[in-house]
Amino acid sequence: MLVRLRRTSQFIAVTTFGNRHDENLLIERVKNIHLLVSGVDNYSQPYAASHPCLLT
């Protein structure tokens, strides 16, 4: 859990205060990770972390 918190904090810090290059690298990394995350929710409905509704 602490690793995820650290990564989230880094993402927020870089996208808020970092330079454009580092920001774009992190955004692409998160997009690629989201492409790998999918499953079934508690209501037996499939989901994918890359789905636009879940990203907002």
PDB file of N, CA and C in Angstrom:
ATOM      1  N   MET A   1       0.827  -1.195   0.000  1.00  0.00           N
ATOM      2  CA  MET A   1       0.000   0.000   0.000  1.00  0.00           C
ATOM      3  C   MET A   1       0.873   1.261   0.000  1.00  0.00           C
ATOM      4  N   LEU A   2       1.973   1.237   0.737  1.00  0.00           N
ATOM      5  CA  LEU A   2       2.844   2.409   0.773  1.00  0.00           C
ATOM      6  C   LEU A   2       3.497   2.678  -0.573  1.00  0.00           C
ATOM      7  N   VAL A   3       3.769   1.613  -1.322  1.00  0.00           N
ATOM      8  CA  VAL A   3       4.372   1.788  -2.651  1.00  0.00           C
ATOM      9  C   VAL A   3       3.390   2.518  -3.565  1.00  0.00           C
ATOM     10  N   ARG A   4       2.126   2.115  -3.501  1.00  0.00           N
ATOM     11  CA  ARG A   4       1.111   2.767  -4.343  1.00  0.00           C
ATOM     12  C   ARG A   4       0.946   4.235  -3.936  1.00  0.00           C
ATOM     13  N   LEU A   5       0.947   4.509  -2.648  1.00  0.00           N
ATOM     14  CA  LEU A   5       0.841   5.888  -2.170  1.00  0.00           C
ATOM     15  C   LEU A   5       2.030   6.717  -2.648  1.00  0.00           C
ATOM     16  N   ARG A   6       3.223   6.121  -2.597  1.00  0.00           N
ATOM     17  CA  ARG A   6       4.418   6.835  -3.049  1.00  0.00           C
ATOM     18  C   ARG A   6       4.330   7.144  -4.542  1.00  0.00           C
ATOM     19  N   ARG A   7       3.888   6.166  -5.335  1.00  0.00           N
ATOM     20  CA  ARG A   7       3.773   6.384  -6.780  1.00  0.00           C
ATOM     21  C   ARG A   7       2.716   7.430  -7.102  1.00  0.00           C
ATOM     22  N   THR A   8       1.595   7.379  -6.388  1.00  0.00           N
ATOM     23  CA  THR A   8       0.542   8.375  -6.606  1.00  0.00           C
ATOM     24  C   THR A   8       1.035   9.763  -6.231  1.00  0.00           C
ATOM     25  N   SER A   9       1.731   9.877  -5.110  1.00  0.00           N
ATOM     26  CA  SER A   9       2.284  11.166  -4.683  1.00  0.00           C
ATOM     27  C   SER A   9       3.287  11.692  -5.695  1.00  0.00           C
ATOM     28  N   GLN A  10       4.121  10.799  -6.229  1.00  0.00           N
ATOM     29  CA  GLN A  10       5.092  11.206  -7.241  1.00  0.00           C
ATOM     30  C   GLN A  10       4.378  11.705  -8.492  1.00  0.00           C
ATOM     31  N   PHE A  11       3.340  10.996  -8.912  1.00  0.00           N
ATOM     32  CA  PHE A  11       2.588  11.400 -10.099  1.00  0.00           C
ATOM     33  C   PHE A  11       1.987  12.787  -9.906  1.00  0.00           C
ATOM     34  N   ILE A  12       1.365  13.018  -8.765  1.00  0.00           N
ATOM     35  CA  ILE A  12       0.757  14.322  -8.487  1.00  0.00           C
ATOM     36  C   ILE A  12       1.816  15.419  -8.455  1.00  0.00           C
ATOM     37  N   ALA A  13       2.931  15.159  -7.803  1.00  0.00           N
ATOM     38  CA  ALA A  13       3.992  16.159  -7.704  1.00  0.00           C
ATOM     39  C   ALA A  13       4.576  16.499  -9.064  1.00  0.00           C
ATOM     40  N   VAL A  14       4.866  15.471  -9.865  1.00  0.00           N
ATOM     41  CA  VAL A  14       5.494  15.716 -11.171  1.00  0.00           C
ATOM     42  C   VAL A  14       4.522  16.397 -12.123  1.00  0.00           C
ATOM     43  N   THR A  15       3.253  15.954 -12.139  1.00  0.00           N
ATOM     44  CA  THR A  15       2.306  16.570 -13.063  1.00  0.00           C
ATOM     45  C   THR A  15       1.894  17.967 -12.619  1.00  0.00           C
ATOM     46  N   THR A  16       2.110  18.288 -11.349  1.00  0.00           N
ATOM     47  CA  THR A  16       1.784  19.629 -10.858  1.00  0.00           C
ATOM     48  C   THR A  16       2.977  20.580 -10.962  1.00  0.00           C
ATOM     49  N   PHE A  17       4.160  20.095 -10.568  1.00  0.00           N
ATOM     50  CA  PHE A  17       5.325  20.983 -10.464  1.00  0.00           C
ATOM     51  C   PHE A  17       6.472  20.629 -11.400  1.00  0.00           C
ATOM     52  N   GLY A  18       6.400  19.498 -12.071  1.00  0.00           N
ATOM     53  CA  GLY A  18       7.517  19.054 -12.899  1.00  0.00           C
ATOM     54  C   GLY A  18       7.524  19.678 -14.277  1.00  0.00           C
ATOM     55  N   ASN A  19       8.541  19.287 -15.029  1.00  0.00           N
ATOM     56  CA  ASN A  19       8.643  19.799 -16.401  1.00  0.00           C
ATOM     57  C   ASN A  19       7.806  18.925 -17.349  1.00  0.00           C
ATOM     58  N   ARG A  20       7.575  19.434 -18.534  1.00  0.00           N
ATOM     59  CA  ARG A  20       6.717  18.780 -19.521  1.00  0.00           C
ATOM     60  C   ARG A  20       7.207  17.377 -19.874  1.00  0.00           C
ATOM     61  N   HIS A  21       8.501  17.226 -20.044  1.00  0.00           N
ATOM     62  CA  HIS A  21       9.070  15.931 -20.435  1.00  0.00           C
ATOM     63  C   HIS A  21       8.777  14.862 -19.380  1.00  0.00           C
ATOM     64  N   ASP A  22       9.090  15.146 -18.118  1.00  0.00           N
ATOM     65  CA  ASP A  22       8.859  14.183 -17.038  1.00  0.00           C
ATOM     66  C   ASP A  22       7.371  13.905 -16.862  1.00  0.00           C
ATOM     67  N   GLU A  23       6.575  14.941 -17.007  1.00  0.00           N
ATOM     68  CA  GLU A  23       5.122  14.794 -16.899  1.00  0.00           C
ATOM     69  C   GLU A  23       4.598  13.815 -17.949  1.00  0.00           C
ATOM     70  N   ASN A  24       5.007  13.999 -19.192  1.00  0.00           N
ATOM     71  CA  ASN A  24       4.550  13.121 -20.270  1.00  0.00           C
ATOM     72  C   ASN A  24       5.015  11.684 -20.085  1.00  0.00           C
ATOM     73  N   LEU A  25       6.230  11.487 -19.571  1.00  0.00           N
ATOM     74  CA  LEU A  25       6.725  10.136 -19.308  1.00  0.00           C
ATOM     75  C   LEU A  25       5.849   9.421 -18.280  1.00  0.00           C
ATOM     76  N   LEU A  26       5.513  10.113 -17.202  1.00  0.00           N
ATOM     77  CA  LEU A  26       4.689   9.500 -16.168  1.00  0.00           C
ATOM     78  C   LEU A  26       3.267   9.229 -16.653  1.00  0.00           C
ATOM     79  N   ILE A  27       2.713  10.142 -17.413  1.00  0.00           N
ATOM     80  CA  ILE A  27       1.361   9.941 -17.939  1.00  0.00           C
ATOM     81  C   ILE A  27       1.330   8.714 -18.843  1.00  0.00           C
ATOM     82  N   GLU A  28       2.318   8.549 -19.696  1.00  0.00           N
ATOM     83  CA  GLU A  28       2.374   7.380 -20.573  1.00  0.00           C
ATOM     84  C   GLU A  28       2.549   6.100 -19.771  1.00  0.00           C
ATOM     85  N   ARG A  29       3.346   6.155 -18.707  1.00  0.00           N
ATOM     86  CA  ARG A  29       3.545   4.979 -17.857  1.00  0.00           C
ATOM     87  C   ARG A  29       2.223   4.549 -17.220  1.00  0.00           C
ATOM     88  N   VAL A  30       1.463   5.517 -16.716  1.00  0.00           N
ATOM     89  CA  VAL A  30       0.174   5.205 -16.092  1.00  0.00           C
ATOM     90  C   VAL A  30      -0.809   4.660 -17.125  1.00  0.00           C
ATOM     91  N   LYS A  31      -0.836   5.251 -18.311  1.00  0.00           N
ATOM     92  CA  LYS A  31      -1.725   4.746 -19.366  1.00  0.00           C
ATOM     93  C   LYS A  31      -1.400   3.290 -19.699  1.00  0.00           C
ATOM     94  N   ASN A  32      -0.122   2.975 -19.801  1.00  0.00           N
ATOM     95  CA  ASN A  32       0.284   1.605 -20.127  1.00  0.00           C
ATOM     96  C   ASN A  32      -0.083   0.628 -19.018  1.00  0.00           C
ATOM     97  N   ILE A  33       0.051   1.036 -17.778  1.00  0.00           N
ATOM     98  CA  ILE A  33      -0.342   0.181 -16.657  1.00  0.00           C
ATOM     99  C   ILE A  33      -1.845  -0.053 -16.679  1.00  0.00           C
ATOM    100  N   HIS A  34      -2.615   0.999 -16.953  1.00  0.00           N
ATOM    101  CA  HIS A  34      -4.075   0.865 -16.995  1.00  0.00           C
ATOM    102  C   HIS A  34      -4.529  -0.098 -18.081  1.00  0.00           C
ATOM    103  N   LEU A  35      -3.778  -0.214 -19.158  1.00  0.00           N
ATOM    104  CA  LEU A  35      -4.132  -1.156 -20.215  1.00  0.00           C
ATOM    105  C   LEU A  35      -4.080  -2.603 -19.733  1.00  0.00           C
ATOM    106  N   LEU A  36      -3.310  -2.867 -18.699  1.00  0.00           N
ATOM    107  CA  LEU A  36      -3.137  -4.226 -18.183  1.00  0.00           C
ATOM    108  C   LEU A  36      -4.136  -4.591 -17.090  1.00  0.00           C
ATOM    109  N   VAL A  37      -4.862  -3.600 -16.570  1.00  0.00           N
ATOM    110  CA  VAL A  37      -5.749  -3.831 -15.432  1.00  0.00           C
ATOM    111  C   VAL A  37      -7.184  -4.027 -15.910  1.00  0.00           C
ATOM    112  N   SER A  38      -7.714  -5.200 -15.631  1.00  0.00           N
ATOM    113  CA  SER A  38      -9.112  -5.497 -15.955  1.00  0.00           C
ATOM    114  C   SER A  38      -9.592  -6.586 -15.009  1.00  0.00           C
ATOM    115  N   GLY A  39     -10.887  -6.782 -14.987  1.00  0.00           N
ATOM    116  CA  GLY A  39     -11.430  -7.806 -14.108  1.00  0.00           C
ATOM    117  C   GLY A  39     -12.936  -7.788 -14.120  1.00  0.00           C
ATOM    118  N   VAL A  40     -13.505  -8.313 -13.041  1.00  0.00           N
ATOM    119  CA  VAL A  40     -14.948  -8.386 -12.872  1.00  0.00           C
ATOM    120  C   VAL A  40     -15.277  -7.758 -11.524  1.00  0.00           C
ATOM    121  N   ASP A  41     -16.271  -6.870 -11.505  1.00  0.00           N
ATOM    122  CA  ASP A  41     -16.626  -6.210 -10.252  1.00  0.00           C
ATOM    123  C   ASP A  41     -17.536  -7.085  -9.388  1.00  0.00           C
ATOM    124  N   ASN A  42     -17.987  -6.551  -8.269  1.00  0.00           N
ATOM    125  CA  ASN A  42     -18.826  -7.297  -7.333  1.00  0.00           C
ATOM    126  C   ASN A  42     -20.182  -7.683  -7.920  1.00  0.00           C
ATOM    127  N   TYR A  43     -20.566  -7.060  -9.016  1.00  0.00           N
ATOM    128  CA  TYR A  43     -21.842  -7.353  -9.667  1.00  0.00           C
ATOM    129  C   TYR A  43     -21.647  -8.215 -10.915  1.00  0.00           C
ATOM    130  N   SER A  44     -20.495  -8.845 -11.015  1.00  0.00           N
ATOM    131  CA  SER A  44     -20.133  -9.717 -12.139  1.00  0.00           C
ATOM    132  C   SER A  44     -20.068  -8.980 -13.470  1.00  0.00           C
ATOM    133  N   GLN A  45     -19.829  -7.688 -13.417  1.00  0.00           N
ATOM    134  CA  GLN A  45     -19.690  -6.885 -14.631  1.00  0.00           C
ATOM    135  C   GLN A  45     -18.205  -6.706 -14.944  1.00  0.00           C
ATOM    136  N   PRO A  46     -17.814  -6.921 -16.184  1.00  0.00           N
ATOM    137  CA  PRO A  46     -16.409  -6.725 -16.537  1.00  0.00           C
ATOM    138  C   PRO A  46     -16.042  -5.238 -16.513  1.00  0.00           C
ATOM    139  N   TYR A  47     -14.795  -4.968 -16.195  1.00  0.00           N
ATOM    140  CA  TYR A  47     -14.299  -3.599 -16.228  1.00  0.00           C
ATOM    141  C   TYR A  47     -12.856  -3.599 -16.708  1.00  0.00           C
ATOM    142  N   ALA A  48     -12.440  -2.447 -17.181  1.00  0.00           N
ATOM    143  CA  ALA A  48     -11.046  -2.244 -17.582  1.00  0.00           C
ATOM    144  C   ALA A  48     -10.625  -0.869 -17.074  1.00  0.00           C
ATOM    145  N   ALA A  49      -9.470  -0.783 -16.467  1.00  0.00           N
ATOM    146  CA  ALA A  49      -9.002   0.480 -15.915  1.00  0.00           C
ATOM    147  C   ALA A  49      -8.771   1.527 -17.000  1.00  0.00           C
ATOM    148  N   SER A  50      -8.643   1.101 -18.235  1.00  0.00           N
ATOM    149  CA  SER A  50      -8.418   2.040 -19.324  1.00  0.00           C
ATOM    150  C   SER A  50      -9.717   2.597 -19.918  1.00  0.00           C
ATOM    151  N   HIS A  51     -10.855   2.140 -19.414  1.00  0.00           N
ATOM    152  CA  HIS A  51     -12.137   2.625 -19.930  1.00  0.00           C
ATOM    153  C   HIS A  51     -12.283   4.102 -19.599  1.00  0.00           C
ATOM    154  N   PRO A  52     -12.669   4.933 -20.566  1.00  0.00           N
ATOM    155  CA  PRO A  52     -12.757   6.393 -20.356  1.00  0.00           C
ATOM    156  C   PRO A  52     -13.617   6.815 -19.158  1.00  0.00           C
ATOM    157  N   CYS A  53     -14.697   6.092 -18.877  1.00  0.00           N
ATOM    158  CA  CYS A  53     -15.540   6.453 -17.731  1.00  0.00           C
ATOM    159  C   CYS A  53     -14.817   6.266 -16.406  1.00  0.00           C
ATOM    160  N   LEU A  54     -13.949   5.286 -16.332  1.00  0.00           N
ATOM    161  CA  LEU A  54     -13.212   5.048 -15.092  1.00  0.00           C
ATOM    162  C   LEU A  54     -12.038   6.002 -14.929  1.00  0.00           C
ATOM    163  N   LEU A  55     -11.557   6.546 -16.030  1.00  0.00           N
ATOM    164  CA  LEU A  55     -10.430   7.478 -15.962  1.00  0.00           C
ATOM    165  C   LEU A  55     -10.847   8.865 -15.478  1.00  0.00           C
ATOM    166  N   THR A  56     -12.125   9.188 -15.589  1.00  0.00           N
ATOM    167  CA  THR A  56     -12.590  10.488 -15.115  1.00  0.00           C
ATOM    168  C   THR A  56     -13.105  10.313 -13.730  1.00  0.00           C
TER     169      THR A  56
END
